[in-house]
Protein backbone atom coordinates (compact mmCIF):
# COMPACT_ATOMS: atom_id res chain seq x y z
CA MET A 1 110.51 112.27 108.39
CA THR A 2 109.52 108.69 107.45
CA ARG A 3 111.25 105.65 108.58
CA GLY A 4 110.68 101.80 109.37
CA SER A 5 107.21 102.25 108.32
CA GLY A 6 108.92 102.15 104.24
CA TRP A 7 107.94 104.13 101.25
CA LYS A 8 107.08 104.37 97.11
CA ALA A 9 108.63 107.07 94.74
CA THR A 10 107.03 107.86 91.50
CA MET A 11 108.22 109.73 88.37
CA TRP A 12 106.26 110.84 86.12
CA ASN A 13 106.68 112.72 83.03
CA MET A 14 104.53 114.91 80.44
CA LYS A 15 105.55 115.99 77.10
CA VAL A 16 104.48 119.81 76.33
CA SER A 17 102.58 118.57 73.18
CA GLU A 18 100.97 115.80 74.05
CA GLY A 19 99.74 117.65 77.54
CA ASN A 20 99.12 114.15 79.55
CA TRP A 21 101.10 112.95 82.66
CA CYS A 22 102.69 109.33 82.10
CA GLU A 23 103.82 106.64 85.01
CA ARG A 24 107.67 106.28 83.89
CA TYR A 25 108.92 104.79 87.73
CA THR A 26 107.85 103.39 90.95
CA VAL A 27 110.38 102.41 93.66
CA ASP A 28 109.11 100.62 96.70
CA VAL A 29 112.02 101.34 99.63
CA ALA A 30 111.55 97.26 100.82
CA LYS A 31 112.75 96.53 97.01
CA ILE A 32 115.52 98.84 96.35
CA SER A 33 118.79 96.88 95.43
CA VAL A 34 121.74 97.54 97.47
CA ASP A 35 125.33 96.13 96.83
CA LYS A 36 127.29 94.57 99.37
CA SER A 37 130.00 97.22 99.27
CA PHE A 38 127.42 99.98 101.13
CA SER A 39 127.28 97.89 104.07
CA ALA A 40 130.83 98.72 105.28
CA LYS A 41 129.31 102.59 105.53
CA LEU A 42 125.93 101.66 107.21
CA PRO A 43 126.41 98.37 109.42
CA GLN A 44 123.72 99.40 111.56
CA LEU A 45 121.42 98.36 108.81
CA TRP A 46 121.88 95.22 108.26
CA ASP A 47 119.56 92.54 108.42
CA ASP A 48 121.38 89.23 109.02
CA GLU A 49 117.60 87.58 107.88
CA THR A 50 117.62 88.85 104.52
CA GLN A 51 121.56 89.26 104.09
CA GLN A 52 120.63 93.01 103.02
CA LEU A 53 120.64 96.97 104.25
CA GLN A 54 116.92 97.85 105.22
CA LEU A 55 117.16 101.37 103.59
CA LYS A 56 113.59 101.58 105.03
CA ASN A 57 115.14 101.85 108.70
CA LEU A 58 116.53 105.12 107.79
CA MET A 59 114.93 108.07 108.53
CA PHE A 60 114.13 109.95 105.46
CA GLN A 61 113.16 113.77 103.99
CA GLY A 62 113.76 115.30 100.95
CA PRO A 63 113.22 113.58 97.58
CA ILE A 64 114.99 115.83 94.97
CA LEU A 65 114.49 115.17 91.33
CA SER A 66 118.07 114.76 88.94
CA MET A 67 118.48 117.89 86.89
CA LEU A 68 121.35 115.81 84.87
CA ASN A 69 120.15 112.18 84.94
CA ASP A 70 115.80 111.47 84.76
CA ASN A 71 116.78 108.77 86.35
CA LEU A 72 117.70 109.60 89.72
CA LEU A 73 116.36 110.65 93.07
CA TYR A 74 118.83 112.11 95.43
CA MET A 75 117.34 112.17 99.73
CA MET A 76 118.55 112.51 102.13
CA ALA A 77 118.77 110.55 105.27
CA LYS A 78 120.01 109.43 108.75
CA VAL A 79 120.03 106.65 110.89
CA ASN A 80 118.86 108.26 114.52
CA ASP A 81 118.14 111.84 114.45
CA GLU A 82 120.25 112.48 117.58
CA ASP A 83 123.12 111.39 115.13
CA ASP A 84 125.21 113.50 113.68
CA THR A 85 125.86 112.55 110.63
CA ALA A 86 123.66 112.29 107.54
CA TRP A 87 123.82 110.70 104.19
CA ALA A 88 123.36 111.94 101.02
CA ILE A 89 121.64 109.03 98.90
CA THR A 90 121.41 108.71 94.98
CA ILE A 91 118.44 105.95 93.94
CA ASP A 92 118.38 104.79 90.76
CA MET A 93 114.32 104.31 89.99
CA LYS A 94 115.11 102.99 86.65
CA HIS A 95 117.12 99.79 87.85
CA ALA A 96 115.22 100.16 91.67
CA ALA A 97 119.08 100.23 92.82
CA LEU A 98 121.06 102.10 95.68
CA LYS A 99 123.39 104.04 92.98
CA ALA A 100 125.70 106.56 95.77
CA LEU A 101 125.52 107.48 99.20
CA ALA A 102 127.68 110.52 100.59
CA LYS A 103 128.41 111.28 104.44
CA PHE A 104 128.01 114.64 105.46
CA SER A 105 128.22 116.16 108.95
CA VAL A 106 125.31 117.65 111.07
CA LYS A 107 124.00 119.38 114.17
CA PRO A 108 121.62 116.64 116.11
CA ASN A 109 118.17 116.63 116.10
CA GLN A 110 118.80 119.19 113.06
CA GLN A 111 116.15 118.99 110.24
CA LEU A 112 117.94 118.18 106.91
CA VAL A 113 115.96 120.07 105.01
CA THR A 114 115.31 123.36 106.47
CA THR A 115 116.20 125.82 103.13
CA LEU A 116 115.22 124.63 99.96
CA CYS A 117 116.77 125.86 97.34
CA PHE A 118 116.60 123.97 93.69
CA SER A 119 118.34 125.15 90.46
CA CYS A 120 116.25 124.93 87.36
CA VAL A 121 117.27 124.39 84.11
CA PHE A 122 115.96 122.71 81.02
CA PRO A 123 118.44 122.55 78.43
CA LYS A 124 117.69 118.97 77.24
CA TYR A 125 114.46 120.21 76.70
CA LEU A 126 114.61 123.59 75.45
CA ASN A 127 116.34 125.14 72.90
CA ILE A 128 118.48 128.00 74.89
CA PRO A 129 119.98 130.61 72.92
CA PRO A 130 123.67 131.07 72.78
CA GLY A 131 124.84 133.02 75.82
CA ALA A 132 121.96 132.23 78.20
CA SER A 133 122.46 130.97 81.61
CA SER A 134 120.35 128.94 84.22
CA PHE A 135 118.03 130.42 86.87
CA PHE A 136 118.51 129.60 90.25
CA LEU A 137 114.72 129.45 92.00
CA PRO A 138 114.18 129.35 95.85
CA MET A 139 111.60 127.26 96.91
């Protein structure tokens, strides 16, 4: 879990035919723009000096890439480890902006990502035969 010291996230992609990785977006948590409408949901992160929410003061875990939108990154976060509330946060990597956040209940001191399970589907990139279903792979 990281908190206060900051972090950066970078998205890469690779065309199978080319075999080379290309950097798409890099976002620094300190530079993510946050619409003021989110300040009511997380008032404890408000910084009077910058007049913005300081996302870097959250405790983040488990970055997960979106399967439906190549620009989105999802993360779980808490204000304090002892809190019984956590947040699912959506970051638009292309625009370096907080896109959404949703509150959910957890046990105090509970790790946010205890069991990892990601669905794995590539419908945009592969020719999937009719009637084939997506696959869900535990990690």
